[in-house]
Amino acid sequence: MSIQPTPSSSDKPVILTGDRTTGPLHLGHYAGSLRNRVALQHSHRQFLLLADAQALTDNANDPAKVTRNVLEVATDYLAVGIDPLVTTICVQSALPVLAELTMLYLNFVTVSRLERNPTVKDEIKMRGFGRDIPAGFLCYPAAQAADITAFKATVVPVGEDQLPMIEQTNEIVRRLNRQMGREVLVEAKALIPQVGRLPGVDGKAKMSKSLGNAIALSASDAEIADAVNRMYTDPNHLRVSDPGTVEGNVVFTYLDAFDPDVEAVADLKAHYRRGGLGDVALKRRLEQLLRDLLGPIRERRAVLARDRDTVMDILRAGTARAREVTAATQADVHAGLGLFAWI
């Protein structure tokens, strides 16, 4: 089966986004990025990068995990409504230009600047690397700059915690452009989603499969019910008649993220604060919302999971298109720097 993405209008803004292929995606990914990608794919020229090479920076001990999840994440993309005829889905490790540009860009950034990147510092601390930092992990800002600039993306959807990465990308862009004497590369703007990072059902950390506090996109109705029942609310809201606290209440955080009836949610918050509204009623409302949302995604995903050949065809076609785009940028950079002119 041959699937060819439809070329998009060149005057559309270019979006680059993607995910590390370390596991199937979950509800936090949907709230933070996936539904925005579905909404933006017709108004933008969108590239989705399956970041398997980047995932190896802290999963080199289990490369098979990274490899098998390329298909899992791609299947999630398609299940939520990403259209491969208008969005280019491509595999990072199959785009050698990205690795070459990363090596090139590392000559234009210092180790101390990489270590000062707040996102990198936080991730190093969270993972407990100390000084045993994988070199690939430390160099990730340069690799991300290569990803963004190779597609000449002007818009990059990120959470607020990733803003330093975009800032460092633009620093590298300005440094390269100064060296080349003209604006070969373009700066990118961050697009912050309205819904921030979704907490896990326990309310103690971001949603993460490894922490056991996530709701998978493929979750069954029973799994959704179990997750909602475990959600952190207000520990002092012991009786229905008691006034409750909305802030920090995970159920309300999820209602804000997924309930389209904003006025009704506002009324529920007021009712909860003055007392007379129980947690069970709130959880049943949320459970039904999530069932309605995830049910169709789960069904589409099950169909796609039985047709791996089609998913692979989509990845091959998207990656072939991405090779053309990134190779053109590579040629522009080489010409601007006067590299390899003798070949």
Protein backbone atom coordinates (compact mmCIF):
# COMPACT_ATOMS: atom_id res chain seq x y z
CA MET A 1 0.00 0.00 0.00
CA SER A 2 1.44 3.38 -1.02
CA ILE A 3 0.50 6.41 1.03
CA GLN A 4 1.81 9.77 -0.11
CA PRO A 5 1.30 12.91 2.02
CA THR A 6 -0.32 15.72 0.11
CA PRO A 7 2.14 18.62 -0.31
CA SER A 8 0.95 21.57 1.75
CA SER A 9 0.93 25.20 0.75
CA SER A 10 4.37 26.73 1.26
CA ASP A 11 2.87 29.82 2.88
CA LYS A 12 1.48 27.86 5.81
CA PRO A 13 3.36 28.10 9.13
CA VAL A 14 5.52 25.04 9.73
CA ILE A 15 5.00 23.09 12.95
CA LEU A 16 7.43 20.51 14.29
CA THR A 17 6.44 18.43 17.25
CA GLY A 18 6.70 14.82 18.34
CA ASP A 19 7.28 12.37 21.15
CA ARG A 20 10.00 10.15 22.56
CA THR A 21 9.19 6.53 21.73
CA THR A 22 9.42 5.09 25.23
CA GLY A 23 5.85 3.83 25.56
CA PRO A 24 2.30 4.21 24.26
CA LEU A 25 0.79 7.65 24.79
CA HIS A 26 -1.70 8.49 27.50
CA LEU A 27 -4.35 11.03 28.43
CA GLY A 28 -1.73 13.57 29.51
CA HIS A 29 -0.27 13.55 26.00
CA TYR A 30 -3.76 13.98 24.56
CA ALA A 31 -4.58 16.99 26.75
CA GLY A 32 -1.18 18.62 26.35
CA SER A 33 -0.50 18.13 22.66
CA LEU A 34 -2.35 15.52 20.63
CA ARG A 35 -5.70 17.27 20.32
CA ASN A 36 -3.92 20.52 19.37
CA ARG A 37 -2.05 18.66 16.64
CA VAL A 38 -5.32 17.32 15.25
CA ALA A 39 -6.81 20.82 15.28
CA LEU A 40 -3.78 22.52 13.69
CA GLN A 41 -2.91 20.01 10.99
CA HIS A 42 -5.14 21.61 8.33
CA SER A 43 -4.01 25.20 8.95
CA HIS A 44 -0.29 24.42 9.30
CA ARG A 45 2.31 22.34 7.54
CA GLN A 46 2.86 19.84 10.33
CA PHE A 47 5.67 17.36 10.90
CA LEU A 48 5.44 14.79 13.71
CA LEU A 49 8.78 13.33 14.71
CA LEU A 50 8.99 9.93 16.37
CA ALA A 51 12.04 10.73 18.50
CA ASP A 52 13.56 7.28 18.87
CA ALA A 53 17.17 8.51 18.68
CA GLN A 54 16.54 11.04 21.44
CA ALA A 55 14.82 8.38 23.53
CA LEU A 56 18.08 6.41 23.54
CA THR A 57 19.86 9.16 25.48
CA ASP A 58 18.47 7.72 28.71
CA ASN A 59 17.29 4.30 27.49
CA ALA A 60 20.47 2.95 25.91
CA ASN A 61 20.24 -0.08 28.21
CA ASP A 62 16.99 -1.12 26.50
CA PRO A 63 17.03 -0.14 22.81
CA ALA A 64 14.38 -2.75 22.00
CA LYS A 65 11.92 -0.80 24.15
CA VAL A 66 12.57 2.32 22.09
CA THR A 67 12.28 0.47 18.78
CA ARG A 68 9.03 -1.35 19.49
CA ASN A 69 7.36 1.83 20.69
CA VAL A 70 7.90 3.59 17.36
CA LEU A 71 4.90 1.69 16.03
CA GLU A 72 2.98 2.13 19.29
CA VAL A 73 3.27 5.91 19.25
CA ALA A 74 2.54 6.09 15.51
CA THR A 75 -0.60 4.03 16.11
CA ASP A 76 -1.65 6.44 18.85
CA TYR A 77 -1.18 9.38 16.47
CA LEU A 78 -3.47 7.82 13.88
CA ALA A 79 -6.03 6.70 16.46
CA VAL A 80 -6.57 10.22 17.82
CA GLY A 81 -7.17 11.63 14.34
CA ILE A 82 -3.81 12.62 12.85
CA ASP A 83 -4.27 12.47 9.07
CA PRO A 84 -1.12 11.18 7.34
CA LEU A 85 -2.23 12.83 4.09
CA VAL A 86 -1.80 16.29 5.61
CA THR A 87 0.61 15.62 8.49
CA THR A 88 4.02 14.11 7.84
CA ILE A 89 4.83 11.42 10.42
CA CYS A 90 8.52 10.51 10.32
CA VAL A 91 11.14 8.52 12.26
CA GLN A 92 14.05 10.47 13.71
CA SER A 93 16.68 7.73 13.42
CA ALA A 94 15.89 7.32 9.71
CA LEU A 95 16.77 10.97 9.04
CA PRO A 96 20.60 11.09 9.03
CA VAL A 97 20.61 14.84 8.35
CA LEU A 98 19.39 15.41 11.91
CA ALA A 99 22.44 13.64 13.36
CA GLU A 100 24.80 15.51 11.02
CA LEU A 101 23.31 18.89 11.91
CA THR A 102 23.50 18.02 15.62
CA MET A 103 27.24 17.40 15.31
CA LEU A 104 27.64 20.60 13.33
CA TYR A 105 25.68 22.70 15.85
CA LEU A 106 27.72 21.36 18.77
CA ASN A 107 30.61 23.40 17.39
CA PHE A 108 28.58 26.54 18.00
CA VAL A 109 27.55 25.95 21.62
CA THR A 110 29.63 25.44 24.76
CA VAL A 111 29.38 22.70 27.37
CA SER A 112 28.76 25.31 30.06
CA ARG A 113 25.81 26.71 28.09
CA LEU A 114 24.33 23.24 27.72
CA GLU A 115 24.71 22.63 31.46
CA ARG A 116 23.02 25.96 32.26
CA ASN A 117 19.90 25.08 30.30
CA PRO A 118 17.20 24.97 33.03
CA THR A 119 15.30 22.11 31.41
CA VAL A 120 18.44 20.00 31.17
CA LYS A 121 19.42 20.84 34.76
CA ASP A 122 15.99 19.83 36.06
CA GLU A 123 15.97 16.59 34.08
CA ILE A 124 19.47 15.68 35.28
CA LYS A 125 18.40 16.24 38.88
CA MET A 126 15.15 14.31 38.44
CA ARG A 127 16.96 11.31 36.96
CA GLY A 128 19.71 11.40 39.58
CA PHE A 129 22.53 11.40 37.02
CA GLY A 130 24.91 13.47 39.15
CA ARG A 131 28.05 13.78 37.02
CA ASP A 132 27.32 10.50 35.22
CA ILE A 133 25.36 12.33 32.55
CA PRO A 134 25.07 10.53 29.21
CA ALA A 135 26.75 12.81 26.66
CA GLY A 136 23.80 12.42 24.33
CA PHE A 137 21.48 13.63 27.08
CA LEU A 138 23.58 16.70 27.82
CA CYS A 139 23.71 17.53 24.11
CA TYR A 140 19.95 17.21 23.67
CA PRO A 141 19.40 20.99 23.23
CA ALA A 142 21.65 20.91 20.15
CA ALA A 143 19.84 17.83 18.86
CA GLN A 144 16.48 19.52 19.33
CA ALA A 145 17.80 22.59 17.54
CA ALA A 146 18.78 20.32 14.65
CA ASP A 147 15.29 18.78 14.58
CA ILE A 148 13.53 22.15 14.58
CA THR A 149 15.77 23.91 12.10
CA ALA A 150 16.02 20.98 9.69
CA PHE A 151 12.30 21.37 9.02
CA LYS A 152 12.57 25.18 9.23
CA ALA A 153 9.77 25.08 11.77
CA THR A 154 8.38 28.44 12.85
CA VAL A 155 6.04 27.03 15.50
CA VAL A 156 6.93 24.42 18.14
CA PRO A 157 4.21 23.35 20.62
CA VAL A 158 5.82 22.84 24.03
CA GLY A 159 4.99 23.00 27.70
CA GLU A 160 6.30 25.92 29.73
CA ASP A 161 9.06 23.73 31.15
CA GLN A 162 10.45 23.34 27.61
CA LEU A 163 10.73 27.07 26.84
CA PRO A 164 14.50 27.11 27.59
CA MET A 165 14.96 24.55 24.82
CA ILE A 166 13.33 26.84 22.26
CA GLU A 167 15.39 29.78 23.54
CA GLN A 168 18.59 27.79 23.09
CA THR A 169 17.51 26.67 19.61
CA ASN A 170 17.07 30.30 18.62
CA GLU A 171 20.49 31.17 20.09
CA ILE A 172 22.04 28.53 17.84
CA VAL A 173 20.06 29.83 14.86
CA ARG A 174 21.33 33.38 15.42
CA ARG A 175 24.91 32.13 15.89
CA LEU A 176 24.81 30.13 12.64
CA ASN A 177 23.16 32.93 10.69
CA ARG A 178 25.84 35.39 11.87
CA GLN A 179 28.51 32.96 10.76
CA MET A 180 26.86 32.50 7.36
CA GLY A 181 26.25 36.23 6.90
CA ARG A 182 22.60 35.76 6.02
CA GLU A 183 19.44 34.27 7.47
CA VAL A 184 19.56 30.71 6.25
CA LEU A 185 17.83 29.29 9.33
CA VAL A 186 14.63 30.62 10.90
CA GLU A 187 13.81 31.20 14.55
CA ALA A 188 10.89 29.33 16.07
CA LYS A 189 8.16 30.47 18.42
CA ALA A 190 6.85 28.31 21.23
CA LEU A 191 3.16 27.47 21.24
CA ILE A 192 2.01 26.89 24.82
CA PRO A 193 -1.16 24.76 25.10
CA GLN A 194 -4.09 26.16 27.08
CA VAL A 195 -4.13 23.00 29.18
CA GLY A 196 -0.82 22.59 30.95
CA ARG A 197 0.75 19.37 32.14
CA LEU A 198 -1.96 17.03 33.36
CA PRO A 199 -1.27 15.57 36.81
CA GLY A 200 -1.42 11.87 37.46
CA VAL A 201 -4.51 10.42 39.09
CA ASP A 202 -2.68 10.52 42.44
CA GLY A 203 -2.18 14.27 42.15
CA LYS A 204 1.47 13.96 43.22
CA ALA A 205 3.33 14.08 39.91
CA LYS A 206 2.89 14.46 36.19
CA MET A 207 1.00 11.67 34.50
CA SER A 208 3.44 8.87 33.71
CA LYS A 209 2.99 5.24 32.83
CA SER A 210 6.13 4.35 34.78
CA LEU A 211 4.67 5.93 37.92
CA GLY A 212 1.43 3.98 37.58
CA ASN A 213 -0.70 7.12 37.62
CA ALA A 214 -1.60 7.38 33.93
CA ILE A 215 -4.70 6.64 31.87
CA ALA A 216 -3.69 5.07 28.56
CA LEU A 217 -5.39 6.11 25.34
CA SER A 218 -6.34 2.45 24.96
CA ALA A 219 -7.81 2.19 28.49
CA SER A 220 -10.92 0.04 28.81
CA ASP A 221 -14.07 1.31 30.51
CA ALA A 222 -13.12 -0.70 33.59
CA GLU A 223 -9.63 0.80 33.64
CA ILE A 224 -11.08 4.30 33.26
CA ALA A 225 -13.47 3.68 36.17
CA ASP A 226 -10.65 2.37 38.35
CA ALA A 227 -8.42 5.36 37.56
CA VAL A 228 -11.17 7.89 38.25
CA ASN A 229 -12.09 6.18 41.52
CA ARG A 230 -8.44 6.49 42.63
CA MET A 231 -8.23 10.20 41.81
CA TYR A 232 -7.04 12.53 44.53
CA THR A 233 -9.71 15.01 45.66
CA ASP A 234 -9.92 16.92 48.97
CA PRO A 235 -8.89 14.77 51.94
CA ASN A 236 -10.86 17.06 54.28
CA HIS A 237 -14.09 16.67 52.31
CA LEU A 238 -15.33 13.82 54.50
CA ARG A 239 -19.10 14.35 54.15
CA VAL A 240 -21.18 15.54 51.22
CA SER A 241 -22.35 18.49 53.30
CA ASP A 242 -18.79 19.65 54.02
CA PRO A 243 -17.35 22.56 52.00
CA GLY A 244 -14.64 21.28 49.66
CA THR A 245 -11.46 22.68 48.13
CA VAL A 246 -11.25 22.88 44.35
CA GLU A 247 -7.59 23.86 44.07
CA GLY A 248 -5.38 20.79 43.82
CA ASN A 249 -8.42 18.56 43.34
CA VAL A 250 -7.49 16.26 40.44
CA VAL A 251 -11.09 15.61 39.43
CA PHE A 252 -11.68 19.31 38.83
CA THR A 253 -8.36 19.58 36.98
CA TYR A 254 -9.56 16.87 34.60
CA LEU A 255 -13.01 18.44 34.26
CA ASP A 256 -11.34 21.72 33.30
CA ALA A 257 -9.31 19.86 30.70
CA PHE A 258 -12.05 17.72 29.14
CA ASP A 259 -15.54 18.99 29.97
CA PRO A 260 -16.80 21.22 27.13
CA ASP A 261 -19.52 22.73 29.35
CA VAL A 262 -17.42 25.42 31.05
CA GLU A 263 -20.39 27.04 32.77
CA ALA A 264 -21.54 23.75 34.26
CA VAL A 265 -18.04 23.08 35.63
CA ALA A 266 -17.99 26.58 37.17
CA ASP A 267 -21.33 25.83 38.86
CA LEU A 268 -19.99 22.52 40.15
CA LYS A 269 -16.96 24.27 41.64
CA ALA A 270 -19.17 26.81 43.42
CA HIS A 271 -21.42 24.03 44.73
CA TYR A 272 -18.44 21.99 45.94
CA ARG A 273 -16.94 24.98 47.75
CA ARG A 274 -20.11 25.74 49.68
CA GLY A 275 -20.84 22.06 50.42
CA GLY A 276 -23.58 19.68 49.37
CA LEU A 277 -21.77 18.08 46.42
CA GLY A 278 -20.08 14.72 46.85
CA ASP A 279 -16.93 13.39 45.23
CA VAL A 280 -18.78 10.37 43.86
CA ALA A 281 -21.09 12.52 41.74
CA LEU A 282 -18.14 14.45 40.33
CA LYS A 283 -16.23 11.28 39.55
CA ARG A 284 -19.20 9.73 37.75
CA ARG A 285 -19.45 12.81 35.52
CA LEU A 286 -15.75 12.66 34.72
CA GLU A 287 -15.83 8.91 34.16
CA GLN A 288 -18.55 9.29 31.51
CA LEU A 289 -16.65 12.11 29.81
CA LEU A 290 -13.51 10.00 29.57
CA ARG A 291 -15.44 6.97 28.34
CA ASP A 292 -16.99 9.07 25.57
CA LEU A 293 -13.58 10.50 24.66
CA LEU A 294 -11.44 7.37 24.80
CA GLY A 295 -13.96 4.81 23.53
CA PRO A 296 -13.67 5.78 19.83
CA ILE A 297 -9.89 6.24 20.13
CA ARG A 298 -9.57 2.77 21.67
CA GLU A 299 -11.64 1.21 18.89
CA ARG A 300 -9.65 2.92 16.12
CA ARG A 301 -6.42 1.93 17.80
CA ALA A 302 -7.46 -1.72 17.98
CA VAL A 303 -8.15 -1.75 14.24
CA LEU A 304 -4.81 -0.12 13.45
CA ALA A 305 -2.96 -2.51 15.75
CA ARG A 306 -4.19 -5.38 13.56
CA ASP A 307 -2.91 -3.64 10.41
CA ARG A 308 0.75 -2.95 11.12
CA ASP A 309 1.62 -2.97 7.41
CA THR A 310 -0.48 0.14 6.82
CA VAL A 311 1.13 1.91 9.77
CA MET A 312 4.57 1.01 8.40
CA ASP A 313 3.60 2.31 4.94
CA ILE A 314 2.59 5.62 6.52
CA LEU A 315 5.93 5.85 8.34
CA ARG A 316 7.92 5.01 5.20
CA ALA A 317 6.08 7.62 3.13
CA GLY A 318 6.35 10.29 5.81
CA THR A 319 10.02 9.62 6.45
CA ALA A 320 10.79 9.75 2.71
CA ARG A 321 9.12 13.15 2.50
CA ALA A 322 11.00 14.33 5.61
CA ARG A 323 14.31 13.27 4.05
CA GLU A 324 13.67 15.62 1.13
CA VAL A 325 12.85 18.54 3.43
CA THR A 326 15.79 18.02 5.79
CA ALA A 327 18.25 17.41 2.94
CA ALA A 328 17.30 20.77 1.44
CA THR A 329 18.05 22.50 4.73
CA GLN A 330 21.35 20.64 5.03
CA ALA A 331 22.35 21.85 1.56
CA ASP A 332 21.48 25.45 2.52
CA VAL A 333 23.60 25.25 5.69
CA HIS A 334 26.53 23.65 3.88
CA ALA A 335 26.42 26.35 1.22
CA GLY A 336 26.13 29.10 3.81
CA LEU A 337 29.14 27.85 5.75
CA GLY A 338 31.13 26.99 2.63
CA LEU A 339 31.38 23.34 3.64
CA PHE A 340 32.04 20.43 1.29
CA ALA A 341 32.12 22.69 -1.77
CA TRP A 342 34.73 20.42 -3.34
CA ILE A 343 32.36 17.43 -3.58
